[in-house]
PDB file of N, CA and C in Angstrom:
ATOM      1  N   MET A   1     109.449  20.896  63.148  1.00  0.00           N
ATOM      2  CA  MET A   1     108.876  20.305  62.065  1.00  0.00           C
ATOM      3  C   MET A   1     109.388  20.282  60.773  1.00  0.00           C
ATOM      4  N   PHE A   2     109.458  21.519  60.450  1.00  0.00           N
ATOM      5  CA  PHE A   2     109.613  22.133  58.864  1.00  0.00           C
ATOM      6  C   PHE A   2     111.127  22.876  59.113  1.00  0.00           C
ATOM      7  N   LYS A   3     112.060  22.482  58.399  1.00  0.00           N
ATOM      8  CA  LYS A   3     113.324  23.210  58.655  1.00  0.00           C
ATOM      9  C   LYS A   3     113.441  23.993  57.443  1.00  0.00           C
ATOM     10  N   ARG A   4     113.675  25.247  57.879  1.00  0.00           N
ATOM     11  CA  ARG A   4     113.812  26.376  56.722  1.00  0.00           C
ATOM     12  C   ARG A   4     115.256  26.402  56.127  1.00  0.00           C
ATOM     13  N   ALA A   5     115.581  26.521  54.964  1.00  0.00           N
ATOM     14  CA  ALA A   5     116.776  26.410  54.347  1.00  0.00           C
ATOM     15  C   ALA A   5     117.418  27.744  54.721  1.00  0.00           C
ATOM     16  N   ASP A   6     118.570  27.755  55.258  1.00  0.00           N
ATOM     17  CA  ASP A   6     119.413  28.648  55.614  1.00  0.00           C
ATOM     18  C   ASP A   6     119.725  29.566  54.347  1.00  0.00           C
ATOM     19  N   SER A   7     119.151  30.736  54.123  1.00  0.00           N
ATOM     20  CA  SER A   7     119.064  31.543  52.753  1.00  0.00           C
ATOM     21  C   SER A   7     120.629  31.916  52.416  1.00  0.00           C
ATOM     22  N   LYS A   8     121.344  31.979  53.469  1.00  0.00           N
ATOM     23  CA  LYS A   8     122.864  32.503  53.223  1.00  0.00           C
ATOM     24  C   LYS A   8     123.745  31.256  52.595  1.00  0.00           C
ATOM     25  N   ASN A   9     123.381  30.089  53.003  1.00  0.00           N
ATOM     26  CA  ASN A   9     124.125  28.883  52.706  1.00  0.00           C
ATOM     27  C   ASN A   9     123.631  28.178  51.483  1.00  0.00           C
ATOM     28  N   GLU A  10     122.452  27.526  51.643  1.00  0.00           N
ATOM     29  CA  GLU A  10     121.988  26.585  50.756  1.00  0.00           C
ATOM     30  C   GLU A  10     121.126  27.086  49.619  1.00  0.00           C
ATOM     31  N   THR A  11     120.115  28.114  49.647  1.00  0.00           N
ATOM     32  CA  THR A  11     119.363  28.409  48.723  1.00  0.00           C
ATOM     33  C   THR A  11     119.915  29.481  47.722  1.00  0.00           C
ATOM     34  N   GLU A  12     120.987  30.236  48.397  1.00  0.00           N
ATOM     35  CA  GLU A  12     121.333  31.590  47.412  1.00  0.00           C
ATOM     36  C   GLU A  12     122.413  31.002  46.652  1.00  0.00           C
ATOM     37  N   VAL A  13     121.978  31.533  45.284  1.00  0.00           N
ATOM     38  CA  VAL A  13     122.985  31.277  44.233  1.00  0.00           C
ATOM     39  C   VAL A  13     123.683  32.690  43.949  1.00  0.00           C
ATOM     40  N   LYS A  14     124.899  32.703  44.127  1.00  0.00           N
ATOM     41  CA  LYS A  14     125.635  34.134  43.726  1.00  0.00           C
ATOM     42  C   LYS A  14     125.795  34.051  42.289  1.00  0.00           C
ATOM     43  N   LYS A  15     125.528  35.052  41.611  1.00  0.00           N
ATOM     44  CA  LYS A  15     125.660  35.354  40.354  1.00  0.00           C
ATOM     45  C   LYS A  15     126.892  36.092  39.858  1.00  0.00           C
ATOM     46  N   GLN A  16     127.555  35.920  38.825  1.00  0.00           N
ATOM     47  CA  GLN A  16     128.573  36.752  38.584  1.00  0.00           C
ATOM     48  C   GLN A  16     128.359  37.279  37.086  1.00  0.00           C
ATOM     49  N   ASP A  17     129.099  38.326  36.977  1.00  0.00           N
ATOM     50  CA  ASP A  17     129.054  39.123  35.600  1.00  0.00           C
ATOM     51  C   ASP A  17     130.143  38.446  34.953  1.00  0.00           C
ATOM     52  N   THR A  18     130.411  39.060  33.547  1.00  0.00           N
ATOM     53  CA  THR A  18     131.382  38.741  32.760  1.00  0.00           C
ATOM     54  C   THR A  18     132.701  39.024  33.258  1.00  0.00           C
ATOM     55  N   LYS A  19     132.869  39.871  34.120  1.00  0.00           N
ATOM     56  CA  LYS A  19     134.344  40.173  34.729  1.00  0.00           C
ATOM     57  C   LYS A  19     134.584  39.446  36.063  1.00  0.00           C
ATOM     58  N   GLY A  20     133.592  38.633  36.424  1.00  0.00           N
ATOM     59  CA  GLY A  20     133.849  37.683  37.618  1.00  0.00           C
ATOM     60  C   GLY A  20     133.589  38.177  38.685  1.00  0.00           C
ATOM     61  N   ARG A  21     132.566  39.564  38.909  1.00  0.00           N
ATOM     62  CA  ARG A  21     132.085  40.228  39.897  1.00  0.00           C
ATOM     63  C   ARG A  21     130.733  39.648  40.572  1.00  0.00           C
ATOM     64  N   LYS A  22     130.563  39.493  41.529  1.00  0.00           N
ATOM     65  CA  LYS A  22     129.345  39.097  42.120  1.00  0.00           C
ATOM     66  C   LYS A  22     128.246  40.261  42.177  1.00  0.00           C
ATOM     67  N   ARG A  23     127.256  40.164  41.651  1.00  0.00           N
ATOM     68  CA  ARG A  23     126.127  41.030  41.768  1.00  0.00           C
ATOM     69  C   ARG A  23     125.121  40.547  42.861  1.00  0.00           C
ATOM     70  N   LYS A  24     125.308  41.509  43.863  1.00  0.00           N
ATOM     71  CA  LYS A  24     124.179  41.152  45.039  1.00  0.00           C
ATOM     72  C   LYS A  24     123.440  42.466  45.312  1.00  0.00           C
ATOM     73  N   ILE A  25     123.557  43.490  44.474  1.00  0.00           N
ATOM     74  CA  ILE A  25     122.412  44.644  44.546  1.00  0.00           C
ATOM     75  C   ILE A  25     121.464  44.376  43.739  1.00  0.00           C
ATOM     76  N   ILE A  26     120.197  44.834  44.186  1.00  0.00           N
ATOM     77  CA  ILE A  26     118.983  44.711  43.446  1.00  0.00           C
ATOM     78  C   ILE A  26     118.516  46.074  43.126  1.00  0.00           C
ATOM     79  N   PHE A  27     118.249  46.310  41.946  1.00  0.00           N
ATOM     80  CA  PHE A  27     117.958  47.623  41.347  1.00  0.00           C
ATOM     81  C   PHE A  27     116.473  47.858  40.782  1.00  0.00           C
ATOM     82  N   ASN A  28     115.576  48.258  41.502  1.00  0.00           N
ATOM     83  CA  ASN A  28     114.029  48.222  41.060  1.00  0.00           C
ATOM     84  C   ASN A  28     113.841  49.779  40.385  1.00  0.00           C
ATOM     85  N   MET A  29     112.767  49.665  39.410  1.00  0.00           N
ATOM     86  CA  MET A  29     112.443  50.712  39.061  1.00  0.00           C
ATOM     87  C   MET A  29     110.872  50.763  38.391  1.00  0.00           C
ATOM     88  N   ARG A  30     110.129  51.805  38.572  1.00  0.00           N
ATOM     89  CA  ARG A  30     108.659  51.637  38.082  1.00  0.00           C
ATOM     90  C   ARG A  30     108.597  52.268  36.736  1.00  0.00           C
ATOM     91  N   VAL A  31     107.622  51.208  35.926  1.00  0.00           N
ATOM     92  CA  VAL A  31     107.499  51.490  34.441  1.00  0.00           C
ATOM     93  C   VAL A  31     105.994  51.073  34.254  1.00  0.00           C
ATOM     94  N   THR A  32     105.610  51.653  33.243  1.00  0.00           N
ATOM     95  CA  THR A  32     104.188  51.412  32.596  1.00  0.00           C
ATOM     96  C   THR A  32     103.899  49.933  31.930  1.00  0.00           C
ATOM     97  N   GLU A  33     102.997  49.562  31.812  1.00  0.00           N
ATOM     98  CA  GLU A  33     102.810  48.290  31.134  1.00  0.00           C
ATOM     99  C   GLU A  33     103.356  48.133  29.811  1.00  0.00           C
ATOM    100  N   ASP A  34     103.020  49.590  28.876  1.00  0.00           N
ATOM    101  CA  ASP A  34     103.481  49.686  27.680  1.00  0.00           C
ATOM    102  C   ASP A  34     105.288  49.710  27.593  1.00  0.00           C
ATOM    103  N   GLU A  35     105.790  50.367  28.717  1.00  0.00           N
ATOM    104  CA  GLU A  35     107.239  50.492  28.680  1.00  0.00           C
ATOM    105  C   GLU A  35     107.821  49.138  29.223  1.00  0.00           C
ATOM    106  N   ARG A  36     107.043  48.148  29.894  1.00  0.00           N
ATOM    107  CA  ARG A  36     107.569  47.076  30.305  1.00  0.00           C
ATOM    108  C   ARG A  36     107.453  46.211  29.018  1.00  0.00           C
ATOM    109  N   GLU A  37     106.493  46.034  28.249  1.00  0.00           N
ATOM    110  CA  GLU A  37     106.399  45.357  27.036  1.00  0.00           C
ATOM    111  C   GLU A  37     107.643  45.527  26.096  1.00  0.00           C
ATOM    112  N   GLN A  38     107.608  47.206  25.627  1.00  0.00           N
ATOM    113  CA  GLN A  38     108.854  47.429  25.008  1.00  0.00           C
ATOM    114  C   GLN A  38     110.117  46.919  25.398  1.00  0.00           C
ATOM    115  N   ILE A  39     110.325  47.110  26.779  1.00  0.00           N
ATOM    116  CA  ILE A  39     111.830  46.528  27.268  1.00  0.00           C
ATOM    117  C   ILE A  39     111.929  45.161  26.933  1.00  0.00           C
ATOM    118  N   ASN A  40     110.637  44.477  27.286  1.00  0.00           N
ATOM    119  CA  ASN A  40     110.993  42.851  26.929  1.00  0.00           C
ATOM    120  C   ASN A  40     111.295  42.570  25.462  1.00  0.00           C
ATOM    121  N   GLN A  41     110.550  43.173  24.730  1.00  0.00           N
ATOM    122  CA  GLN A  41     110.901  43.208  23.259  1.00  0.00           C
ATOM    123  C   GLN A  41     112.026  43.408  22.913  1.00  0.00           C
ATOM    124  N   ARG A  42     112.683  44.622  23.227  1.00  0.00           N
ATOM    125  CA  ARG A  42     113.980  44.983  22.821  1.00  0.00           C
ATOM    126  C   ARG A  42     114.853  43.914  23.469  1.00  0.00           C
ATOM    127  N   ALA A  43     114.915  43.507  24.570  1.00  0.00           N
ATOM    128  CA  ALA A  43     115.796  42.719  25.422  1.00  0.00           C
ATOM    129  C   ALA A  43     115.705  41.102  24.779  1.00  0.00           C
ATOM    130  N   ALA A  44     114.676  40.778  24.233  1.00  0.00           N
ATOM    131  CA  ALA A  44     114.571  39.558  23.365  1.00  0.00           C
ATOM    132  C   ALA A  44     115.256  39.810  22.077  1.00  0.00           C
ATOM    133  N   LEU A  45     114.887  40.786  21.376  1.00  0.00           N
ATOM    134  CA  LEU A  45     115.507  41.141  20.155  1.00  0.00           C
ATOM    135  C   LEU A  45     116.954  41.264  20.238  1.00  0.00           C
ATOM    136  N   SER A  46     117.550  41.680  21.168  1.00  0.00           N
ATOM    137  CA  SER A  46     119.144  41.773  21.532  1.00  0.00           C
ATOM    138  C   SER A  46     119.759  40.390  21.699  1.00  0.00           C
ATOM    139  N   GLY A  47     119.062  39.445  22.008  1.00  0.00           N
ATOM    140  CA  GLY A  47     119.806  38.325  22.556  1.00  0.00           C
ATOM    141  C   GLY A  47     120.203  38.111  23.632  1.00  0.00           C
ATOM    142  N   LEU A  48     120.194  39.006  24.679  1.00  0.00           N
ATOM    143  CA  LEU A  48     120.793  39.337  25.874  1.00  0.00           C
ATOM    144  C   LEU A  48     119.570  38.766  26.993  1.00  0.00           C
ATOM    145  N   LEU A  49     120.202  38.333  28.040  1.00  0.00           N
ATOM    146  CA  LEU A  49     119.241  38.296  29.284  1.00  0.00           C
ATOM    147  C   LEU A  49     118.793  39.675  29.611  1.00  0.00           C
ATOM    148  N   LYS A  50     117.578  39.958  30.071  1.00  0.00           N
ATOM    149  CA  LYS A  50     116.863  40.975  30.484  1.00  0.00           C
ATOM    150  C   LYS A  50     117.633  41.787  31.367  1.00  0.00           C
ATOM    151  N   GLN A  51     118.459  41.170  32.229  1.00  0.00           N
ATOM    152  CA  GLN A  51     119.154  41.915  33.128  1.00  0.00           C
ATOM    153  C   GLN A  51     120.653  42.622  32.450  1.00  0.00           C
ATOM    154  N   GLU A  52     121.158  41.740  31.796  1.00  0.00           N
ATOM    155  CA  GLU A  52     122.256  42.269  30.818  1.00  0.00           C
ATOM    156  C   GLU A  52     121.756  43.444  29.857  1.00  0.00           C
ATOM    157  N   PHE A  53     120.707  43.160  29.127  1.00  0.00           N
ATOM    158  CA  PHE A  53     120.203  44.159  28.432  1.00  0.00           C
ATOM    159  C   PHE A  53     120.036  45.410  29.122  1.00  0.00           C
ATOM    160  N   CYS A  54     119.391  45.560  30.317  1.00  0.00           N
ATOM    161  CA  CYS A  54     119.098  46.730  31.029  1.00  0.00           C
ATOM    162  C   CYS A  54     120.281  47.376  31.333  1.00  0.00           C
ATOM    163  N   ILE A  55     121.139  46.471  31.901  1.00  0.00           N
ATOM    164  CA  ILE A  55     122.760  47.219  32.352  1.00  0.00           C
ATOM    165  C   ILE A  55     123.490  48.012  31.228  1.00  0.00           C
ATOM    166  N   GLN A  56     123.701  47.036  30.156  1.00  0.00           N
ATOM    167  CA  GLN A  56     124.080  47.776  29.027  1.00  0.00           C
ATOM    168  C   GLN A  56     123.409  48.855  28.499  1.00  0.00           C
ATOM    169  N   SER A  57     122.185  48.977  28.384  1.00  0.00           N
ATOM    170  CA  SER A  57     121.344  50.174  28.166  1.00  0.00           C
ATOM    171  C   SER A  57     121.499  51.243  29.033  1.00  0.00           C
ATOM    172  N   LEU A  58     121.590  51.169  30.152  1.00  0.00           N
ATOM    173  CA  LEU A  58     121.711  52.058  31.235  1.00  0.00           C
ATOM    174  C   LEU A  58     123.285  52.654  31.325  1.00  0.00           C
ATOM    175  N   MET A  59     124.238  51.694  31.013  1.00  0.00           N
ATOM    176  CA  MET A  59     125.363  52.142  31.118  1.00  0.00           C
ATOM    177  C   MET A  59     126.217  53.004  29.921  1.00  0.00           C
ATOM    178  N   HIS A  60     125.454  52.665  28.590  1.00  0.00           N
ATOM    179  CA  HIS A  60     126.140  53.018  27.386  1.00  0.00           C
ATOM    180  C   HIS A  60     125.192  53.836  26.538  1.00  0.00           C
ATOM    181  N   GLN A  61     124.127  54.319  27.109  1.00  0.00           N
ATOM    182  CA  GLN A  61     123.349  55.223  26.226  1.00  0.00           C
ATOM    183  C   GLN A  61     123.601  56.750  26.418  1.00  0.00           C
ATOM    184  N   LYS A  62     123.464  57.482  25.591  1.00  0.00           N
ATOM    185  CA  LYS A  62     123.762  58.991  25.599  1.00  0.00           C
ATOM    186  C   LYS A  62     122.683  59.508  26.696  1.00  0.00           C
ATOM    187  N   VAL A  63     122.868  60.349  27.580  1.00  0.00           N
ATOM    188  CA  VAL A  63     122.207  60.835  28.732  1.00  0.00           C
ATOM    189  C   VAL A  63     121.919  62.418  28.201  1.00  0.00           C
ATOM    190  N   VAL A  64     120.627  62.824  28.196  1.00  0.00           N
ATOM    191  CA  VAL A  64     120.174  64.008  27.891  1.00  0.00           C
ATOM    192  C   VAL A  64     119.687  64.680  29.145  1.00  0.00           C
ATOM    193  N   CYS A  65     120.259  65.698  29.516  1.00  0.00           N
ATOM    194  CA  CYS A  65     119.717  66.276  30.738  1.00  0.00           C
ATOM    195  C   CYS A  65     119.718  67.944  30.557  1.00  0.00           C
ATOM    196  N   TYR A  66     118.956  68.681  31.683  1.00  0.00           N
ATOM    197  CA  TYR A  66     118.542  69.895  31.555  1.00  0.00           C
ATOM    198  C   TYR A  66     119.123  70.343  32.720  1.00  0.00           C
ATOM    199  N   GLY A  67     119.878  71.378  32.766  1.00  0.00           N
ATOM    200  CA  GLY A  67     120.480  71.998  33.983  1.00  0.00           C
ATOM    201  C   GLY A  67     119.606  72.548  34.731  1.00  0.00           C
ATOM    202  N   ASN A  68     119.852  72.342  36.051  1.00  0.00           N
ATOM    203  CA  ASN A  68     119.072  72.925  37.404  1.00  0.00           C
ATOM    204  C   ASN A  68     120.140  73.042  38.441  1.00  0.00           C
ATOM    205  N   ILE A  69     119.613  73.617  39.622  1.00  0.00           N
ATOM    206  CA  ILE A  69     120.661  73.950  40.613  1.00  0.00           C
ATOM    207  C   ILE A  69     121.119  72.701  41.188  1.00  0.00           C
ATOM    208  N   ARG A  70     120.194  71.602  41.222  1.00  0.00           N
ATOM    209  CA  ARG A  70     120.837  70.240  41.806  1.00  0.00           C
ATOM    210  C   ARG A  70     121.877  69.829  41.131  1.00  0.00           C
ATOM    211  N   LEU A  71     121.755  69.733  39.665  1.00  0.00           N
ATOM    212  CA  LEU A  71     122.803  69.224  38.820  1.00  0.00           C
ATOM    213  C   LEU A  71     124.041  69.924  38.984  1.00  0.00           C
ATOM    214  N   ILE A  72     124.174  71.166  38.921  1.00  0.00           N
ATOM    215  CA  ILE A  72     125.350  71.945  38.982  1.00  0.00           C
ATOM    216  C   ILE A  72     125.836  71.862  40.400  1.00  0.00           C
ATOM    217  N   SER A  73     125.149  71.650  41.472  1.00  0.00           N
ATOM    218  CA  SER A  73     125.773  71.550  42.717  1.00  0.00           C
ATOM    219  C   SER A  73     126.568  70.054  42.700  1.00  0.00           C
ATOM    220  N   GLU A  74     125.849  69.068  42.198  1.00  0.00           N
ATOM    221  CA  GLU A  74     126.314  67.824  42.079  1.00  0.00           C
ATOM    222  C   GLU A  74     127.715  67.597  41.370  1.00  0.00           C
ATOM    223  N   VAL A  75     127.715  68.278  40.137  1.00  0.00           N
ATOM    224  CA  VAL A  75     128.706  68.387  39.260  1.00  0.00           C
ATOM    225  C   VAL A  75     130.055  68.985  40.251  1.00  0.00           C
ATOM    226  N   LYS A  76     129.581  70.285  40.855  1.00  0.00           N
ATOM    227  CA  LYS A  76     130.738  70.797  41.665  1.00  0.00           C
ATOM    228  C   LYS A  76     131.333  69.954  42.558  1.00  0.00           C
ATOM    229  N   SER A  77     130.417  69.275  43.177  1.00  0.00           N
ATOM    230  CA  SER A  77     130.913  68.479  44.511  1.00  0.00           C
ATOM    231  C   SER A  77     131.601  67.094  43.779  1.00  0.00           C
ATOM    232  N   GLN A  78     131.285  66.541  42.640  1.00  0.00           N
ATOM    233  CA  GLN A  78     132.074  65.627  41.981  1.00  0.00           C
ATOM    234  C   GLN A  78     133.513  65.987  41.423  1.00  0.00           C
ATOM    235  N   LEU A  79     133.528  67.291  41.012  1.00  0.00           N
ATOM    236  CA  LEU A  79     134.528  67.901  40.494  1.00  0.00           C
ATOM    237  C   LEU A  79     135.830  68.130  41.721  1.00  0.00           C
ATOM    238  N   CYS A  80     135.066  68.384  43.005  1.00  0.00           N
ATOM    239  CA  CYS A  80     135.943  68.760  43.926  1.00  0.00           C
ATOM    240  C   CYS A  80     136.651  67.480  44.543  1.00  0.00           C
ATOM    241  N   ASN A  81     135.787  66.132  44.376  1.00  0.00           N
ATOM    242  CA  ASN A  81     136.424  65.007  44.986  1.00  0.00           C
ATOM    243  C   ASN A  81     137.343  64.549  43.907  1.00  0.00           C
ATOM    244  N   ILE A  82     137.285  64.753  42.683  1.00  0.00           N
ATOM    245  CA  ILE A  82     138.265  64.555  41.636  1.00  0.00           C
ATOM    246  C   ILE A  82     139.368  65.294  41.935  1.00  0.00           C
ATOM    247  N   GLU A  83     139.188  66.516  41.847  1.00  0.00           N
ATOM    248  CA  GLU A  83     140.592  67.377  42.453  1.00  0.00           C
ATOM    249  C   GLU A  83     141.264  67.113  43.594  1.00  0.00           C
ATOM    250  N   ASN A  84     140.470  66.606  44.623  1.00  0.00           N
ATOM    251  CA  ASN A  84     141.111  66.218  45.663  1.00  0.00           C
ATOM    252  C   ASN A  84     142.030  64.869  45.414  1.00  0.00           C
ATOM    253  N   HIS A  85     141.579  64.121  44.812  1.00  0.00           N
ATOM    254  CA  HIS A  85     142.088  62.847  44.356  1.00  0.00           C
ATOM    255  C   HIS A  85     143.314  63.069  43.357  1.00  0.00           C
ATOM    256  N   LEU A  86     143.253  64.256  42.642  1.00  0.00           N
ATOM    257  CA  LEU A  86     144.434  64.373  42.002  1.00  0.00           C
ATOM    258  C   LEU A  86     145.612  65.072  42.674  1.00  0.00           C
ATOM    259  N   ILE A  87     145.110  65.759  43.650  1.00  0.00           N
ATOM    260  CA  ILE A  87     146.104  66.602  44.774  1.00  0.00           C
ATOM    261  C   ILE A  87     146.898  65.416  45.513  1.00  0.00           C
ATOM    262  N   ARG A  88     146.103  64.443  45.770  1.00  0.00           N
ATOM    263  CA  ARG A  88     146.826  63.351  46.491  1.00  0.00           C
ATOM    264  C   ARG A  88     147.831  62.393  45.677  1.00  0.00           C
ATOM    265  N   LEU A  89     147.434  62.342  44.515  1.00  0.00           N
ATOM    266  CA  LEU A  89     148.148  61.513  43.647  1.00  0.00           C
ATOM    267  C   LEU A  89     149.953  61.834  43.447  1.00  0.00           C
ATOM    268  N   GLU A  90     150.467  60.885  43.667  1.00  0.00           N
ATOM    269  CA  GLU A  90     151.971  60.918  43.661  1.00  0.00           C
ATOM    270  C   GLU A  90     152.516  60.546  42.075  1.00  0.00           C
ATOM    271  N   SER A  91     151.705  60.010  41.247  1.00  0.00           N
ATOM    272  CA  SER A  91     151.979  59.824  39.961  1.00  0.00           C
ATOM    273  C   SER A  91     150.744  59.268  39.114  1.00  0.00           C
ATOM    274  N   ALA A  92     151.063  59.501  37.723  1.00  0.00           N
ATOM    275  CA  ALA A  92     149.800  59.306  36.986  1.00  0.00           C
ATOM    276  C   ALA A  92     149.188  57.817  36.952  1.00  0.00           C
ATOM    277  N   ASP A  93     150.165  56.959  37.280  1.00  0.00           N
ATOM    278  CA  ASP A  93     149.921  55.600  37.179  1.00  0.00           C
ATOM    279  C   ASP A  93     148.870  55.269  38.331  1.00  0.00           C
ATOM    280  N   ASN A  94     148.945  56.021  39.294  1.00  0.00           N
ATOM    281  CA  ASN A  94     147.916  55.658  40.545  1.00  0.00           C
ATOM    282  C   ASN A  94     146.580  56.375  40.437  1.00  0.00           C
ATOM    283  N   PHE A  95     146.259  56.936  39.297  1.00  0.00           N
ATOM    284  CA  PHE A  95     145.106  57.457  39.054  1.00  0.00           C
ATOM    285  C   PHE A  95     143.813  56.528  39.046  1.00  0.00           C
ATOM    286  N   ASP A  96     142.957  56.758  39.799  1.00  0.00           N
ATOM    287  CA  ASP A  96     141.723  55.970  39.849  1.00  0.00           C
ATOM    288  C   ASP A  96     140.887  55.879  38.682  1.00  0.00           C
ATOM    289  N   ALA A  97     140.677  54.646  38.153  1.00  0.00           N
ATOM    290  CA  ALA A  97     139.631  54.329  36.981  1.00  0.00           C
ATOM    291  C   ALA A  97     138.368  54.921  37.134  1.00  0.00           C
ATOM    292  N   ASP A  98     137.884  54.961  38.455  1.00  0.00           N
ATOM    293  CA  ASP A  98     136.565  55.205  38.810  1.00  0.00           C
ATOM    294  C   ASP A  98     136.537  56.593  38.717  1.00  0.00           C
ATOM    295  N   LYS A  99     137.411  57.475  39.078  1.00  0.00           N
ATOM    296  CA  LYS A  99     137.413  58.926  38.928  1.00  0.00           C
ATOM    297  C   LYS A  99     137.570  59.279  37.530  1.00  0.00           C
ATOM    298  N   LEU A 100     138.194  58.600  36.730  1.00  0.00           N
ATOM    299  CA  LEU A 100     138.593  58.814  35.268  1.00  0.00           C
ATOM    300  C   LEU A 100     136.941  58.804  34.591  1.00  0.00           C
ATOM    301  N   GLU A 101     136.196  57.699  35.033  1.00  0.00           N
ATOM    302  CA  GLU A 101     134.891  57.517  34.398  1.00  0.00           C
ATOM    303  C   GLU A 101     133.890  58.422  35.257  1.00  0.00           C
ATOM    304  N   GLN A 102     134.000  59.129  36.421  1.00  0.00           N
ATOM    305  CA  GLN A 102     133.280  60.214  36.856  1.00  0.00           C
ATOM    306  C   GLN A 102     133.391  61.360  35.906  1.00  0.00           C
ATOM    307  N   LEU A 103     134.520  61.664  35.650  1.00  0.00           N
ATOM    308  CA  LEU A 103     135.085  62.857  34.906  1.00  0.00           C
ATOM    309  C   LEU A 103     134.332  62.650  33.327  1.00  0.00           C
ATOM    310  N   ARG A 104     134.483  61.483  32.744  1.00  0.00           N
ATOM    311  CA  ARG A 104     133.884  61.260  31.551  1.00  0.00           C
ATOM    312  C   ARG A 104     132.315  61.458  31.458  1.00  0.00           C
ATOM    313  N   MET A 105     132.041  61.021  32.646  1.00  0.00           N
ATOM    314  CA  MET A 105     130.376  61.455  32.649  1.00  0.00           C
ATOM    315  C   MET A 105     129.881  62.799  32.906  1.00  0.00           C
ATOM    316  N   ILE A 106     130.758  63.494  33.746  1.00  0.00           N
ATOM    317  CA  ILE A 106     130.541  64.704  33.957  1.00  0.00           C
ATOM    318  C   ILE A 106     130.719  65.491  32.428  1.00  0.00           C
ATOM    319  N   LEU A 107     131.689  65.110  31.585  1.00  0.00           N
ATOM    320  CA  LEU A 107     131.911  66.010  30.585  1.00  0.00           C
ATOM    321  C   LEU A 107     130.716  65.479  29.501  1.00  0.00           C
ATOM    322  N   GLU A 108     130.006  64.488  29.688  1.00  0.00           N
ATOM    323  CA  GLU A 108     128.857  63.823  28.920  1.00  0.00           C
ATOM    324  C   GLU A 108     127.545  64.874  29.159  1.00  0.00           C
ATOM    325  N   LEU A 109     127.638  65.053  30.490  1.00  0.00           N
ATOM    326  CA  LEU A 109     126.354  65.861  30.905  1.00  0.00           C
ATOM    327  C   LEU A 109     126.659  67.283  30.565  1.00  0.00           C
ATOM    328  N   LEU A 110     127.880  67.886  30.594  1.00  0.00           N
ATOM    329  CA  LEU A 110     128.102  69.266  30.181  1.00  0.00           C
ATOM    330  C   LEU A 110     127.753  69.468  28.542  1.00  0.00           C
ATOM    331  N   ASN A 111     128.172  68.477  27.936  1.00  0.00           N
ATOM    332  CA  ASN A 111     128.023  68.447  26.529  1.00  0.00           C
ATOM    333  C   ASN A 111     126.507  68.557  26.207  1.00  0.00           C
ATOM    334  N   SER A 112     125.931  67.675  26.772  1.00  0.00           N
ATOM    335  CA  SER A 112     124.345  67.662  26.635  1.00  0.00           C
ATOM    336  C   SER A 112     123.664  68.938  26.990  1.00  0.00           C
ATOM    337  N   LEU A 113     124.076  69.598  28.044  1.00  0.00           N
ATOM    338  CA  LEU A 113     123.729  70.753  28.479  1.00  0.00           C
ATOM    339  C   LEU A 113     124.000  71.742  27.535  1.00  0.00           C
ATOM    340  N   LYS A 114     125.235  72.012  26.791  1.00  0.00           N
ATOM    341  CA  LYS A 114     125.611  72.738  25.803  1.00  0.00           C
ATOM    342  C   LYS A 114     124.520  72.673  24.689  1.00  0.00           C
ATOM    343  N   GLU A 115     124.409  71.239  24.183  1.00  0.00           N
ATOM    344  CA  GLU A 115     123.585  71.054  23.062  1.00  0.00           C
ATOM    345  C   GLU A 115     122.107  71.543  23.324  1.00  0.00           C
ATOM    346  N   ASN A 116     121.591  71.384  24.552  1.00  0.00           N
ATOM    347  CA  ASN A 116     120.275  71.592  24.913  1.00  0.00           C
ATOM    348  C   ASN A 116     120.005  73.160  24.938  1.00  0.00           C
ATOM    349  N   ASN A 117     120.938  73.774  25.165  1.00  0.00           N
ATOM    350  CA  ASN A 117     120.822  75.463  25.130  1.00  0.00           C
ATOM    351  C   ASN A 117     120.931  76.102  23.843  1.00  0.00           C
TER     352      ASN A 117
END
């Protein structure tokens, strides 16, 4: 009787970011009503779509953290991954940009820990 549209072909519209990448991952989080209203107001004032506002806010805000055993073990693990990547490199031109971003984030976290102590 009724034919359901194939979600992969007809109804799904792929969205691309400014760099032409397709965004197919959904990221959810829980907030209070007040937090939701504040986020909506700030997104509207920014002139960006709420999705773009949230992405920009999450990616470019200063991170404040407090040291604990989980943080230290995660930093150690990431530094070991970066070290292994550096050992495998044949030239500096082959350095992975993602590893450089991870290193930058680790330095931000360590600076935050230093400031909070």
